[in-house]
């Protein structure tokens, strides 16, 4: 099967050991020739420096790095300073998000929504950056209704986003329906599905509860039946997620964005299977 463009997401390592492990993982993942590597950061911009130094290292290795940028708790001035820093390091892509409010956090900052952030980036820097935004095929956990959520997505694109990456999901119909609905609103940017490999049941349940991604009942029950048998969980996860990717590619998805969790193995295994190795 012809694999479309892929991109791969990391989080900034918190320790020197974590940084070493990420370098090793990145070397392996680079063999998949991803279009770019994106790097997340913590709530309230808590690891913005870690994000930038990881992106700089990715660029120095000859790859394209795309930092995540969030407007939660930020001022226009602080965002302007970050954009200038990105420019000085010749960063050309970024992922613009509202970001999660840290617990006990009062204000939203001067830019309330991701659409405000995209608009501000465009006003400040013109077409310099290729901007990705987030999309939620199963609805943003804080959206009032699916229709509201679609409108919020459309506003981000109208503000100047070039493309979108979705929250992960395991029901391809949710993705295809979301894409169809955005097209009806006249939104025509590429919407790249976010792919979360399944390697650990507890971790997957925890993430999914936090971000509102649905784990279909049949997957949940099957994972529960394996208990602590990690080899069976990984083998089943590889089958499920590869099958999902095949359906998405066959249905015309413009690419795949892998949430790597800073590990090379799961993403590599899925891509090799997609390529028929």
C-alpha atoms as a PDB file:
ATOM      1  CA  UNK A   1       0.000   0.000   0.000  1.00  0.00           C
ATOM      2  CA  UNK A   2       1.331   3.418  -0.935  1.00  0.00           C
ATOM      3  CA  UNK A   3       1.881   5.276   2.356  1.00  0.00           C
ATOM      4  CA  UNK A   4       0.960   8.969   2.173  1.00  0.00           C
ATOM      5  CA  UNK A   5       3.076  11.687   3.782  1.00  0.00           C
ATOM      6  CA  UNK A   6       3.627  11.088   7.454  1.00  0.00           C
ATOM      7  CA  UNK A   7       4.548  13.421  10.288  1.00  0.00           C
ATOM      8  CA  UNK A   8       5.554  12.454  13.810  1.00  0.00           C
ATOM      9  CA  UNK A   9       4.964  14.171  17.136  1.00  0.00           C
ATOM     10  CA  UNK A  10       7.252  14.234  20.188  1.00  0.00           C
ATOM     11  CA  UNK A  11       7.052  15.835  23.606  1.00  0.00           C
ATOM     12  CA  UNK A  12      10.105  17.693  24.986  1.00  0.00           C
ATOM     13  CA  UNK A  13      12.175  15.396  27.213  1.00  0.00           C
ATOM     14  CA  UNK A  14      12.423  16.449  30.874  1.00  0.00           C
ATOM     15  CA  UNK A  15      15.731  14.742  31.749  1.00  0.00           C
ATOM     16  CA  UNK A  16      19.117  14.180  30.035  1.00  0.00           C
ATOM     17  CA  UNK A  17      18.267  10.433  29.843  1.00  0.00           C
ATOM     18  CA  UNK A  18      14.962  11.307  28.178  1.00  0.00           C
ATOM     19  CA  UNK A  19      16.805  13.512  25.680  1.00  0.00           C
ATOM     20  CA  UNK A  20      19.192  10.659  24.816  1.00  0.00           C
ATOM     21  CA  UNK A  21      16.305   8.229  24.390  1.00  0.00           C
ATOM     22  CA  UNK A  22      14.506  10.682  22.120  1.00  0.00           C
ATOM     23  CA  UNK A  23      17.629  11.112  19.948  1.00  0.00           C
ATOM     24  CA  UNK A  24      17.825   7.360  19.472  1.00  0.00           C
ATOM     25  CA  UNK A  25      14.095   7.116  18.692  1.00  0.00           C
ATOM     26  CA  UNK A  26      14.356  10.033  16.270  1.00  0.00           C
ATOM     27  CA  UNK A  27      17.215   8.408  14.374  1.00  0.00           C
ATOM     28  CA  UNK A  28      15.057   5.339  13.791  1.00  0.00           C
ATOM     29  CA  UNK A  29      11.954   7.334  12.914  1.00  0.00           C
ATOM     30  CA  UNK A  30      13.916   9.499  10.461  1.00  0.00           C
ATOM     31  CA  UNK A  31      14.267   6.358   8.312  1.00  0.00           C
ATOM     32  CA  UNK A  32      10.516   6.651   7.624  1.00  0.00           C
ATOM     33  CA  UNK A  33      11.286  10.014   5.956  1.00  0.00           C
ATOM     34  CA  UNK A  34       8.566  12.020   7.699  1.00  0.00           C
ATOM     35  CA  UNK A  35       7.617  15.385   6.226  1.00  0.00           C
ATOM     36  CA  UNK A  36       8.264  16.997   9.632  1.00  0.00           C
ATOM     37  CA  UNK A  37       8.569  16.302  13.359  1.00  0.00           C
ATOM     38  CA  UNK A  38       6.328  18.352  15.659  1.00  0.00           C
ATOM     39  CA  UNK A  39       7.060  19.050  19.332  1.00  0.00           C
ATOM     40  CA  UNK A  40       4.400  19.682  21.992  1.00  0.00           C
ATOM     41  CA  UNK A  41       4.674  21.653  25.208  1.00  0.00           C
ATOM     42  CA  UNK A  42       3.049  21.706  28.638  1.00  0.00           C
ATOM     43  CA  UNK A  43      -0.012  23.608  29.772  1.00  0.00           C
ATOM     44  CA  UNK A  44       0.512  27.329  30.183  1.00  0.00           C
ATOM     45  CA  UNK A  45       3.683  27.181  28.059  1.00  0.00           C
ATOM     46  CA  UNK A  46       5.578  25.494  30.890  1.00  0.00           C
ATOM     47  CA  UNK A  47       8.079  23.800  28.587  1.00  0.00           C
ATOM     48  CA  UNK A  48       8.285  26.366  25.789  1.00  0.00           C
ATOM     49  CA  UNK A  49      12.109  26.425  26.047  1.00  0.00           C
ATOM     50  CA  UNK A  50      12.239  22.632  25.979  1.00  0.00           C
ATOM     51  CA  UNK A  51      10.039  22.711  22.882  1.00  0.00           C
ATOM     52  CA  UNK A  52      12.309  25.181  21.112  1.00  0.00           C
ATOM     53  CA  UNK A  53      15.560  23.415  21.995  1.00  0.00           C
ATOM     54  CA  UNK A  54      14.124  20.081  20.772  1.00  0.00           C
ATOM     55  CA  UNK A  55      13.001  21.713  17.499  1.00  0.00           C
ATOM     56  CA  UNK A  56      16.445  23.330  17.061  1.00  0.00           C
ATOM     57  CA  UNK A  57      18.081  19.945  17.500  1.00  0.00           C
ATOM     58  CA  UNK A  58      15.701  18.369  14.970  1.00  0.00           C
ATOM     59  CA  UNK A  59      16.551  21.125  12.459  1.00  0.00           C
ATOM     60  CA  UNK A  60      20.286  20.732  13.104  1.00  0.00           C
ATOM     61  CA  UNK A  61      19.938  17.049  12.139  1.00  0.00           C
ATOM     62  CA  UNK A  62      18.579  18.122   8.759  1.00  0.00           C
ATOM     63  CA  UNK A  63      14.868  17.535   9.416  1.00  0.00           C
ATOM     64  CA  UNK A  64      11.924  19.931   9.496  1.00  0.00           C
ATOM     65  CA  UNK A  65      10.786  20.775  13.032  1.00  0.00           C
ATOM     66  CA  UNK A  66       7.396  22.257  13.907  1.00  0.00           C
ATOM     67  CA  UNK A  67       6.926  23.641  17.433  1.00  0.00           C
ATOM     68  CA  UNK A  68       3.499  23.734  19.044  1.00  0.00           C
ATOM     69  CA  UNK A  69       2.432  27.213  20.110  1.00  0.00           C
ATOM     70  CA  UNK A  70      -0.451  27.850  22.485  1.00  0.00           C
ATOM     71  CA  UNK A  71      -2.131  31.112  23.423  1.00  0.00           C
ATOM     72  CA  UNK A  72      -3.453  30.084  26.850  1.00  0.00           C
ATOM     73  CA  UNK A  73      -2.181  32.570  29.417  1.00  0.00           C
ATOM     74  CA  UNK A  74      -0.089  34.356  26.783  1.00  0.00           C
ATOM     75  CA  UNK A  75      -0.002  38.027  25.854  1.00  0.00           C
ATOM     76  CA  UNK A  76       0.371  39.337  22.313  1.00  0.00           C
ATOM     77  CA  UNK A  77       3.817  40.545  23.355  1.00  0.00           C
ATOM     78  CA  UNK A  78       4.913  37.099  24.594  1.00  0.00           C
ATOM     79  CA  UNK A  79       3.630  35.414  21.413  1.00  0.00           C
ATOM     80  CA  UNK A  80       5.398  38.043  19.299  1.00  0.00           C
ATOM     81  CA  UNK A  81       8.673  37.294  21.121  1.00  0.00           C
ATOM     82  CA  UNK A  82       8.255  33.546  20.499  1.00  0.00           C
ATOM     83  CA  UNK A  83       7.490  34.116  16.804  1.00  0.00           C
ATOM     84  CA  UNK A  84      10.624  36.250  16.477  1.00  0.00           C
ATOM     85  CA  UNK A  85      12.631  33.494  18.098  1.00  0.00           C
ATOM     86  CA  UNK A  86      11.158  30.955  15.665  1.00  0.00           C
ATOM     87  CA  UNK A  87      12.102  33.230  12.771  1.00  0.00           C
ATOM     88  CA  UNK A  88      15.666  33.646  14.033  1.00  0.00           C
ATOM     89  CA  UNK A  89      16.060  29.830  14.006  1.00  0.00           C
ATOM     90  CA  UNK A  90      14.567  29.557  10.508  1.00  0.00           C
ATOM     91  CA  UNK A  91      11.516  27.630  11.707  1.00  0.00           C
ATOM     92  CA  UNK A  92       8.902  27.561   8.945  1.00  0.00           C
ATOM     93  CA  UNK A  93       6.094  25.380  10.307  1.00  0.00           C
ATOM     94  CA  UNK A  94       4.146  25.539  13.532  1.00  0.00           C
ATOM     95  CA  UNK A  95       1.113  24.004  15.181  1.00  0.00           C
ATOM     96  CA  UNK A  96      -1.174  26.722  16.608  1.00  0.00           C
ATOM     97  CA  UNK A  97      -3.414  25.683  19.498  1.00  0.00           C
ATOM     98  CA  UNK A  98      -5.469  27.284  22.198  1.00  0.00           C
ATOM     99  CA  UNK A  99      -3.857  24.872  24.658  1.00  0.00           C
ATOM    100  CA  UNK A 100      -5.204  23.329  27.843  1.00  0.00           C
ATOM    101  CA  UNK A 101      -5.875  25.476  30.869  1.00  0.00           C
ATOM    102  CA  UNK A 102      -3.667  24.267  33.723  1.00  0.00           C
ATOM    103  CA  UNK A 103      -5.718  23.380  36.816  1.00  0.00           C
ATOM    104  CA  UNK A 104      -6.418  26.310  39.102  1.00  0.00           C
ATOM    105  CA  UNK A 105      -5.613  28.666  36.256  1.00  0.00           C
ATOM    106  CA  UNK A 106      -7.638  31.865  36.091  1.00  0.00           C
ATOM    107  CA  UNK A 107      -7.429  33.869  32.879  1.00  0.00           C
ATOM    108  CA  UNK A 108      -7.337  32.664  29.316  1.00  0.00           C
ATOM    109  CA  UNK A 109      -4.853  35.326  28.202  1.00  0.00           C
ATOM    110  CA  UNK A 110      -5.196  38.055  25.588  1.00  0.00           C
ATOM    111  CA  UNK A 111      -5.923  35.628  22.744  1.00  0.00           C
ATOM    112  CA  UNK A 112      -8.858  33.464  23.785  1.00  0.00           C
ATOM    113  CA  UNK A 113      -9.116  30.966  20.945  1.00  0.00           C
ATOM    114  CA  UNK A 114      -6.844  29.226  18.471  1.00  0.00           C
ATOM    115  CA  UNK A 115      -8.537  31.274  15.707  1.00  0.00           C
ATOM    116  CA  UNK A 116      -7.354  34.480  17.472  1.00  0.00           C
ATOM    117  CA  UNK A 117      -3.841  33.046  17.643  1.00  0.00           C
ATOM    118  CA  UNK A 118      -3.810  32.107  13.933  1.00  0.00           C
ATOM    119  CA  UNK A 119      -5.092  35.556  13.005  1.00  0.00           C
ATOM    120  CA  UNK A 120      -2.396  37.197  15.149  1.00  0.00           C
ATOM    121  CA  UNK A 121       0.393  35.049  13.620  1.00  0.00           C
ATOM    122  CA  UNK A 122      -0.775  35.968  10.110  1.00  0.00           C
ATOM    123  CA  UNK A 123      -1.025  39.684  10.997  1.00  0.00           C
ATOM    124  CA  UNK A 124       2.504  39.632  12.473  1.00  0.00           C
ATOM    125  CA  UNK A 125       4.324  37.378  10.017  1.00  0.00           C
ATOM    126  CA  UNK A 126       2.276  37.177   6.811  1.00  0.00           C
ATOM    127  CA  UNK A 127       2.797  33.895   4.977  1.00  0.00           C
ATOM    128  CA  UNK A 128       6.079  33.071   6.635  1.00  0.00           C
ATOM    129  CA  UNK A 129       4.755  30.065   8.582  1.00  0.00           C
ATOM    130  CA  UNK A 130       2.902  26.974   7.466  1.00  0.00           C
ATOM    131  CA  UNK A 131       0.263  26.751  10.229  1.00  0.00           C
ATOM    132  CA  UNK A 132      -1.398  23.522  11.338  1.00  0.00           C
ATOM    133  CA  UNK A 133      -4.369  23.634  13.708  1.00  0.00           C
ATOM    134  CA  UNK A 134      -6.225  20.934  15.675  1.00  0.00           C
ATOM    135  CA  UNK A 135      -9.441  19.219  14.567  1.00  0.00           C
ATOM    136  CA  UNK A 136     -11.759  17.006  16.632  1.00  0.00           C
ATOM    137  CA  UNK A 137     -13.647  14.373  14.610  1.00  0.00           C
ATOM    138  CA  UNK A 138     -15.436  13.241  17.800  1.00  0.00           C
ATOM    139  CA  UNK A 139     -15.992  16.827  19.003  1.00  0.00           C
ATOM    140  CA  UNK A 140     -13.806  18.911  21.300  1.00  0.00           C
ATOM    141  CA  UNK A 141     -14.537  17.895  24.910  1.00  0.00           C
ATOM    142  CA  UNK A 142     -15.495  21.500  25.763  1.00  0.00           C
ATOM    143  CA  UNK A 143     -17.614  22.220  22.674  1.00  0.00           C
ATOM    144  CA  UNK A 144     -21.324  22.828  23.226  1.00  0.00           C
ATOM    145  CA  UNK A 145     -22.415  20.869  20.168  1.00  0.00           C
ATOM    146  CA  UNK A 146     -20.939  19.240  17.048  1.00  0.00           C
ATOM    147  CA  UNK A 147     -22.177  22.234  15.010  1.00  0.00           C
ATOM    148  CA  UNK A 148     -20.423  24.713  17.330  1.00  0.00           C
ATOM    149  CA  UNK A 149     -17.272  22.655  17.083  1.00  0.00           C
ATOM    150  CA  UNK A 150     -17.375  22.672  13.270  1.00  0.00           C
ATOM    151  CA  UNK A 151     -17.865  26.441  13.247  1.00  0.00           C
ATOM    152  CA  UNK A 152     -14.899  26.898  15.599  1.00  0.00           C
ATOM    153  CA  UNK A 153     -12.792  24.764  13.251  1.00  0.00           C
ATOM    154  CA  UNK A 154     -13.927  26.753  10.210  1.00  0.00           C
ATOM    155  CA  UNK A 155     -12.943  30.011  11.983  1.00  0.00           C
ATOM    156  CA  UNK A 156      -9.384  28.732  12.475  1.00  0.00           C
ATOM    157  CA  UNK A 157      -9.103  27.981   8.768  1.00  0.00           C
ATOM    158  CA  UNK A 158     -10.646  31.334   7.788  1.00  0.00           C
ATOM    159  CA  UNK A 159      -8.102  33.008  10.091  1.00  0.00           C
ATOM    160  CA  UNK A 160      -5.319  31.566   7.928  1.00  0.00           C
ATOM    161  CA  UNK A 161      -4.530  27.948   8.879  1.00  0.00           C
ATOM    162  CA  UNK A 162      -2.966  25.882   6.066  1.00  0.00           C
ATOM    163  CA  UNK A 163      -3.918  22.424   7.325  1.00  0.00           C
ATOM    164  CA  UNK A 164      -5.229  20.525  10.339  1.00  0.00           C
ATOM    165  CA  UNK A 165      -4.220  17.519  12.437  1.00  0.00           C
ATOM    166  CA  UNK A 166      -6.962  15.615  14.220  1.00  0.00           C
ATOM    167  CA  UNK A 167      -7.192  14.336  17.745  1.00  0.00           C
ATOM    168  CA  UNK A 168      -6.639  10.568  17.620  1.00  0.00           C
ATOM    169  CA  UNK A 169      -9.655   8.276  17.111  1.00  0.00           C
ATOM    170  CA  UNK A 170     -10.297   4.614  16.346  1.00  0.00           C
ATOM    171  CA  UNK A 171     -13.519   4.992  14.369  1.00  0.00           C
ATOM    172  CA  UNK A 172     -12.690   5.986  10.781  1.00  0.00           C
ATOM    173  CA  UNK A 173     -16.336   6.921  10.100  1.00  0.00           C
ATOM    174  CA  UNK A 174     -16.019   9.770  12.617  1.00  0.00           C
ATOM    175  CA  UNK A 175     -13.097  11.146  10.578  1.00  0.00           C
ATOM    176  CA  UNK A 176     -14.792  10.814   7.184  1.00  0.00           C
ATOM    177  CA  UNK A 177     -18.011  12.406   8.490  1.00  0.00           C
ATOM    178  CA  UNK A 178     -16.037  15.299   9.992  1.00  0.00           C
ATOM    179  CA  UNK A 179     -14.184  15.920   6.712  1.00  0.00           C
ATOM    180  CA  UNK A 180     -17.478  15.815   4.748  1.00  0.00           C
ATOM    181  CA  UNK A 181     -19.084  18.284   7.152  1.00  0.00           C
ATOM    182  CA  UNK A 182     -16.164  20.727   6.907  1.00  0.00           C
ATOM    183  CA  UNK A 183     -16.283  20.538   3.100  1.00  0.00           C
ATOM    184  CA  UNK A 184     -19.980  21.489   3.250  1.00  0.00           C
ATOM    185  CA  UNK A 185     -18.905  24.602   5.161  1.00  0.00           C
ATOM    186  CA  UNK A 186     -16.498  25.435   2.331  1.00  0.00           C
ATOM    187  CA  UNK A 187     -13.373  24.454   4.280  1.00  0.00           C
ATOM    188  CA  UNK A 188     -10.924  22.821   1.882  1.00  0.00           C
ATOM    189  CA  UNK A 189      -7.591  22.533   3.741  1.00  0.00           C
ATOM    190  CA  UNK A 190      -6.015  19.084   4.199  1.00  0.00           C
ATOM    191  CA  UNK A 191      -7.230  17.409   7.415  1.00  0.00           C
ATOM    192  CA  UNK A 192      -4.620  14.867   8.483  1.00  0.00           C
ATOM    193  CA  UNK A 193      -5.750  12.109  10.855  1.00  0.00           C
ATOM    194  CA  UNK A 194      -3.824  11.856  14.130  1.00  0.00           C
ATOM    195  CA  UNK A 195      -2.807   8.258  14.862  1.00  0.00           C
ATOM    196  CA  UNK A 196      -2.178   6.934  18.381  1.00  0.00           C
ATOM    197  CA  UNK A 197      -0.491   3.508  18.425  1.00  0.00           C
ATOM    198  CA  UNK A 198      -1.924   1.141  21.076  1.00  0.00           C
ATOM    199  CA  UNK A 199       0.811  -0.275  23.310  1.00  0.00           C
ATOM    200  CA  UNK A 200      -0.444   0.096  26.876  1.00  0.00           C
ATOM    201  CA  UNK A 201      -4.064  -0.286  28.021  1.00  0.00           C
ATOM    202  CA  UNK A 202      -3.928   1.834  31.198  1.00  0.00           C
ATOM    203  CA  UNK A 203      -2.159   4.704  29.460  1.00  0.00           C
ATOM    204  CA  UNK A 204      -4.598   4.638  26.530  1.00  0.00           C
ATOM    205  CA  UNK A 205      -7.645   4.706  28.842  1.00  0.00           C
ATOM    206  CA  UNK A 206      -6.182   7.597  30.821  1.00  0.00           C
ATOM    207  CA  UNK A 207      -5.353   9.696  27.726  1.00  0.00           C
ATOM    208  CA  UNK A 208      -8.723   8.999  26.154  1.00  0.00           C
ATOM    209  CA  UNK A 209     -10.656  10.020  29.260  1.00  0.00           C
ATOM    210  CA  UNK A 210      -8.666  13.277  29.355  1.00  0.00           C
ATOM    211  CA  UNK A 211      -9.044  14.269  25.715  1.00  0.00           C
ATOM    212  CA  UNK A 212     -12.484  12.894  24.905  1.00  0.00           C
ATOM    213  CA  UNK A 213     -11.304  10.351  22.313  1.00  0.00           C
ATOM    214  CA  UNK A 214     -13.626   7.357  22.189  1.00  0.00           C
ATOM    215  CA  UNK A 215     -12.267   3.827  22.425  1.00  0.00           C
ATOM    216  CA  UNK A 216     -14.855   1.601  20.702  1.00  0.00           C
ATOM    217  CA  UNK A 217     -16.363  -1.000  23.028  1.00  0.00           C
ATOM    218  CA  UNK A 218     -14.953  -3.981  21.102  1.00  0.00           C
ATOM    219  CA  UNK A 219     -11.404  -2.583  21.424  1.00  0.00           C
ATOM    220  CA  UNK A 220     -11.898  -1.792  25.124  1.00  0.00           C
ATOM    221  CA  UNK A 221     -13.186  -5.307  25.913  1.00  0.00           C
ATOM    222  CA  UNK A 222     -10.461  -7.011  23.911  1.00  0.00           C
ATOM    223  CA  UNK A 223      -7.734  -4.965  25.642  1.00  0.00           C
ATOM    224  CA  UNK A 224      -9.271  -5.704  29.063  1.00  0.00           C
ATOM    225  CA  UNK A 225      -9.238  -9.439  28.254  1.00  0.00           C
ATOM    226  CA  UNK A 226      -5.434  -9.383  27.812  1.00  0.00           C
ATOM    227  CA  UNK A 227      -4.834  -8.168  31.388  1.00  0.00           C
ATOM    228  CA  UNK A 228      -1.104  -7.496  31.776  1.00  0.00           C
ATOM    229  CA  UNK A 229      -0.074  -9.537  28.744  1.00  0.00           C
ATOM    230  CA  UNK A 230       1.873  -6.778  27.064  1.00  0.00           C
ATOM    231  CA  UNK A 231       2.871  -8.831  23.987  1.00  0.00           C
ATOM    232  CA  UNK A 232      -0.783  -9.569  23.172  1.00  0.00           C
ATOM    233  CA  UNK A 233      -1.779  -5.927  23.754  1.00  0.00           C
ATOM    234  CA  UNK A 234       0.935  -4.747  21.343  1.00  0.00           C
ATOM    235  CA  UNK A 235       0.120  -7.347  18.677  1.00  0.00           C
ATOM    236  CA  UNK A 236      -3.599  -6.536  18.840  1.00  0.00           C
ATOM    237  CA  UNK A 237      -2.856  -2.790  18.883  1.00  0.00           C
ATOM    238  CA  UNK A 238      -0.674  -3.134  15.787  1.00  0.00           C
ATOM    239  CA  UNK A 239      -3.463  -4.967  13.917  1.00  0.00           C
ATOM    240  CA  UNK A 240      -6.134  -2.450  14.933  1.00  0.00           C
ATOM    241  CA  UNK A 241      -4.153   0.706  14.187  1.00  0.00           C
ATOM    242  CA  UNK A 242      -2.690  -0.589  10.910  1.00  0.00           C
ATOM    243  CA  UNK A 243      -6.210  -1.533   9.807  1.00  0.00           C
ATOM    244  CA  UNK A 244      -7.401   1.957  10.734  1.00  0.00           C
ATOM    245  CA  UNK A 245      -4.572   3.554   8.718  1.00  0.00           C
ATOM    246  CA  UNK A 246      -5.388   1.367   5.703  1.00  0.00           C
ATOM    247  CA  UNK A 247      -9.031   2.485   5.786  1.00  0.00           C
ATOM    248  CA  UNK A 248      -8.008   6.136   6.107  1.00  0.00           C
ATOM    249  CA  UNK A 249      -5.545   5.959   3.215  1.00  0.00           C
ATOM    250  CA  UNK A 250      -8.042   4.084   1.024  1.00  0.00           C
ATOM    251  CA  UNK A 251     -10.622   6.768   1.863  1.00  0.00           C
ATOM    252  CA  UNK A 252      -8.329   9.566   0.705  1.00  0.00           C
ATOM    253  CA  UNK A 253      -6.711  10.862   3.920  1.00  0.00           C
ATOM    254  CA  UNK A 254      -3.974  13.338   2.877  1.00  0.00           C
ATOM    255  CA  UNK A 255      -1.399  11.990   5.343  1.00  0.00           C
ATOM    256  CA  UNK A 256      -0.929  10.385   8.768  1.00  0.00           C
ATOM    257  CA  UNK A 257       0.308  12.188  11.897  1.00  0.00           C
ATOM    258  CA  UNK A 258       1.709   9.776  14.499  1.00  0.00           C
ATOM    259  CA  UNK A 259       1.629  10.504  18.235  1.00  0.00           C
ATOM    260  CA  UNK A 260       4.894   8.682  18.951  1.00  0.00           C
ATOM    261  CA  UNK A 261       5.087   9.175  22.742  1.00  0.00           C
ATOM    262  CA  UNK A 262       8.853   9.507  22.044  1.00  0.00           C
ATOM    263  CA  UNK A 263       9.093   5.838  21.045  1.00  0.00           C
ATOM    264  CA  UNK A 264      10.218   4.574  17.650  1.00  0.00           C
ATOM    265  CA  UNK A 265       8.938   0.985  17.749  1.00  0.00           C
ATOM    266  CA  UNK A 266       5.137   1.285  17.415  1.00  0.00           C
ATOM    267  CA  UNK A 267       5.117   3.924  14.643  1.00  0.00           C
ATOM    268  CA  UNK A 268       7.850   2.081  12.703  1.00  0.00           C
ATOM    269  CA  UNK A 269       5.958  -1.241  12.960  1.00  0.00           C
ATOM    270  CA  UNK A 270       2.730   0.324  11.626  1.00  0.00           C
ATOM    271  CA  UNK A 271       4.491   2.082   8.714  1.00  0.00           C
ATOM    272  CA  UNK A 272       6.448  -1.037   7.758  1.00  0.00           C
ATOM    273  CA  UNK A 273       3.271  -3.052   7.705  1.00  0.00           C
ATOM    274  CA  UNK A 274       1.525  -0.398   5.592  1.00  0.00           C
ATOM    275  CA  UNK A 275       4.407  -0.605   3.124  1.00  0.00           C
ATOM    276  CA  UNK A 276       4.071  -4.373   3.051  1.00  0.00           C
ATOM    277  CA  UNK A 277       7.455  -5.156   4.664  1.00  0.00           C
END
